[in-house]
Amino acid sequence: MHREISPGNPNPNPNPNSPMPGFCYFLHALARIQQDVAPQRSPGKKGRRIRRAAYASMAVAAAPRRMAWSRALLRRLRRRSASPRRKTITVTRKKTRTERQEDELRRLVPGGRRMDLCSLLEETGDYLQCLAAQVSLMQWVARSISE
């Protein structure tokens, strides 16, 4: 089913309580990226710009709820040119499977390294909801473009 976006309402989803209105930012950023036809840009660079726009729109959409992952994601996007991190070598004990899984989850959720386990699990749930909304939006955009 193909829906037209009216100029007065850029929201393709008629449900005003859905997270889709916050993702209008992504649609505008995607349009700006598509209009930028600079020949020196490689496809990889364009893909990174699209990914950055998707992450930024997801974080902006979640900003009213003040979730820690959205703040961490916005902070990471703001400081693009960070200095290279130094690697330190330390001797550690072998971690249990649960600890390794917890560490992996902390790496996946923006801002998760600074959270206790309970907050991390709560933030993970919210992050997954926003990722699902982002995927549905991108599928809608792809269907709209292909029709």
Protein backbone atom coordinates (compact mmCIF):
# COMPACT_ATOMS: atom_id res chain seq x y z
CA MET A 1 0.00 0.00 0.00
CA HIS A 2 1.48 3.30 -1.11
CA ARG A 3 0.75 6.43 0.94
CA GLU A 4 1.42 9.92 -0.27
CA ILE A 5 3.07 12.37 2.09
CA SER A 6 1.22 15.64 2.12
CA PRO A 7 3.22 18.86 2.55
CA GLY A 8 1.21 19.74 5.66
CA ASN A 9 1.84 16.39 7.35
CA PRO A 10 5.20 14.76 6.59
CA ASN A 11 4.27 11.81 8.84
CA PRO A 12 3.39 8.75 6.70
CA ASN A 13 1.92 7.02 9.75
CA PRO A 14 -1.57 8.23 10.73
CA ASN A 15 -1.05 7.21 14.38
CA PRO A 16 0.22 10.33 16.22
CA ASN A 17 1.40 8.25 19.21
CA SER A 18 3.85 6.21 17.16
CA PRO A 19 7.59 7.02 17.12
CA MET A 20 7.44 7.75 13.37
CA PRO A 21 7.06 11.56 13.68
CA GLY A 22 10.51 11.75 15.28
CA PHE A 23 12.00 10.03 12.26
CA CYS A 24 11.07 12.84 9.88
CA TYR A 25 14.54 14.08 10.72
CA PHE A 26 15.91 10.95 9.03
CA LEU A 27 13.84 11.51 5.89
CA HIS A 28 15.11 15.10 5.59
CA ALA A 29 18.71 14.00 6.20
CA LEU A 30 18.33 11.23 3.62
CA ALA A 31 17.02 13.72 1.08
CA ARG A 32 20.02 16.01 1.76
CA ILE A 33 22.41 13.09 1.31
CA GLN A 34 20.74 12.11 -1.98
CA GLN A 35 20.93 15.70 -3.26
CA ASP A 36 24.65 15.89 -2.48
CA VAL A 37 26.16 14.60 -5.72
CA ALA A 38 29.78 15.41 -5.00
CA PRO A 39 31.84 13.11 -7.27
CA GLN A 40 34.70 12.72 -4.79
CA ARG A 41 32.53 10.87 -2.26
CA SER A 42 32.89 7.11 -2.25
CA PRO A 43 29.92 4.74 -1.76
CA GLY A 44 31.33 3.75 1.64
CA LYS A 45 31.36 7.36 2.77
CA LYS A 46 27.77 7.79 1.62
CA GLY A 47 26.76 4.67 3.54
CA ARG A 48 28.40 6.01 6.69
CA ARG A 49 26.55 9.30 6.27
CA ILE A 50 23.25 7.43 5.94
CA ARG A 51 24.03 5.32 9.02
CA ARG A 52 24.98 8.44 11.00
CA ALA A 53 21.71 10.11 9.95
CA ALA A 54 19.72 7.04 10.96
CA TYR A 55 21.38 6.89 14.38
CA ALA A 56 20.96 10.61 14.93
CA SER A 57 17.27 10.50 14.01
CA MET A 58 16.71 7.54 16.31
CA ALA A 59 18.42 9.35 19.19
CA VAL A 60 16.54 12.59 18.49
CA ALA A 61 13.24 10.70 18.44
CA ALA A 62 14.02 9.12 21.82
CA ALA A 63 15.35 12.37 23.32
CA PRO A 64 12.05 13.41 24.97
CA ARG A 65 12.28 10.25 27.09
CA ARG A 66 15.86 11.12 28.07
CA MET A 67 17.15 7.59 27.67
CA ALA A 68 20.83 7.15 28.44
CA TRP A 69 21.56 5.34 25.17
CA SER A 70 20.16 8.23 23.13
CA ARG A 71 22.28 10.76 25.04
CA ALA A 72 25.36 8.58 24.56
CA LEU A 73 24.66 8.18 20.86
CA LEU A 74 24.20 11.93 20.36
CA ARG A 75 27.39 12.61 22.33
CA ARG A 76 29.32 10.14 20.13
CA LEU A 77 27.96 11.72 16.95
CA ARG A 78 28.88 15.22 18.13
CA ARG A 79 32.53 14.37 18.67
CA ARG A 80 33.36 12.79 15.32
CA SER A 81 37.03 13.62 15.38
CA ALA A 82 38.03 11.97 18.62
CA SER A 83 41.66 11.31 19.33
CA PRO A 84 42.76 7.70 18.89
CA ARG A 85 42.33 5.59 22.01
CA ARG A 86 45.34 4.11 23.70
CA LYS A 87 45.43 0.39 24.31
CA THR A 88 46.69 -0.78 27.66
CA ILE A 89 47.76 -4.34 28.27
CA THR A 90 46.56 -5.87 31.52
CA VAL A 91 46.41 -9.39 32.85
CA THR A 92 42.86 -10.39 33.72
CA ARG A 93 41.14 -13.53 34.88
CA LYS A 94 39.03 -15.48 32.42
CA LYS A 95 35.44 -14.20 32.45
CA THR A 96 32.41 -16.43 32.80
CA ARG A 97 30.00 -16.83 29.90
CA THR A 98 27.47 -14.53 31.59
CA GLU A 99 30.09 -11.83 32.12
CA ARG A 100 31.16 -12.07 28.48
CA GLN A 101 27.54 -11.75 27.33
CA GLU A 102 27.01 -8.77 29.62
CA ASP A 103 30.15 -7.12 28.24
CA GLU A 104 28.95 -7.72 24.68
CA LEU A 105 25.59 -6.13 25.52
CA ARG A 106 27.39 -3.15 27.06
CA ARG A 107 29.32 -2.69 23.80
CA LEU A 108 26.15 -2.88 21.68
CA VAL A 109 24.01 -0.40 23.63
CA PRO A 110 25.28 3.19 23.36
CA GLY A 111 26.30 4.40 26.81
CA GLY A 112 26.04 0.88 28.23
CA ARG A 113 29.59 0.75 29.56
CA ARG A 114 28.70 3.12 32.39
CA MET A 115 25.46 1.42 33.51
CA ASP A 116 24.68 -1.14 36.17
CA LEU A 117 23.08 -4.36 34.91
CA CYS A 118 19.49 -3.42 35.78
CA SER A 119 19.70 -0.07 33.96
CA LEU A 120 21.48 -1.74 31.06
CA LEU A 121 18.65 -4.22 30.57
CA GLU A 122 16.03 -1.44 30.72
CA GLU A 123 17.96 0.68 28.22
CA THR A 124 18.41 -2.34 25.96
CA GLY A 125 14.65 -2.84 25.77
CA ASP A 126 14.09 0.79 24.80
CA TYR A 127 16.97 0.71 22.32
CA LEU A 128 15.51 -2.39 20.65
CA GLN A 129 12.11 -0.69 20.31
CA CYS A 130 13.74 2.29 18.60
CA LEU A 131 15.77 0.03 16.32
CA ALA A 132 12.58 -1.83 15.33
CA ALA A 133 10.88 1.49 14.55
CA GLN A 134 13.92 2.54 12.52
CA VAL A 135 13.82 -0.69 10.51
CA SER A 136 10.11 -0.29 9.78
CA LEU A 137 10.72 3.29 8.66
CA MET A 138 13.55 2.26 6.35
CA GLN A 139 11.41 -0.54 4.91
CA TRP A 140 8.65 2.01 4.28
CA VAL A 141 11.13 4.36 2.58
CA ALA A 142 12.47 1.51 0.42
CA ARG A 143 8.94 0.46 -0.60
CA SER A 144 8.00 4.07 -1.38
CA ILE A 145 11.06 4.55 -3.56
CA SER A 146 10.61 1.26 -5.42
CA GLU A 147 6.93 1.91 -6.27
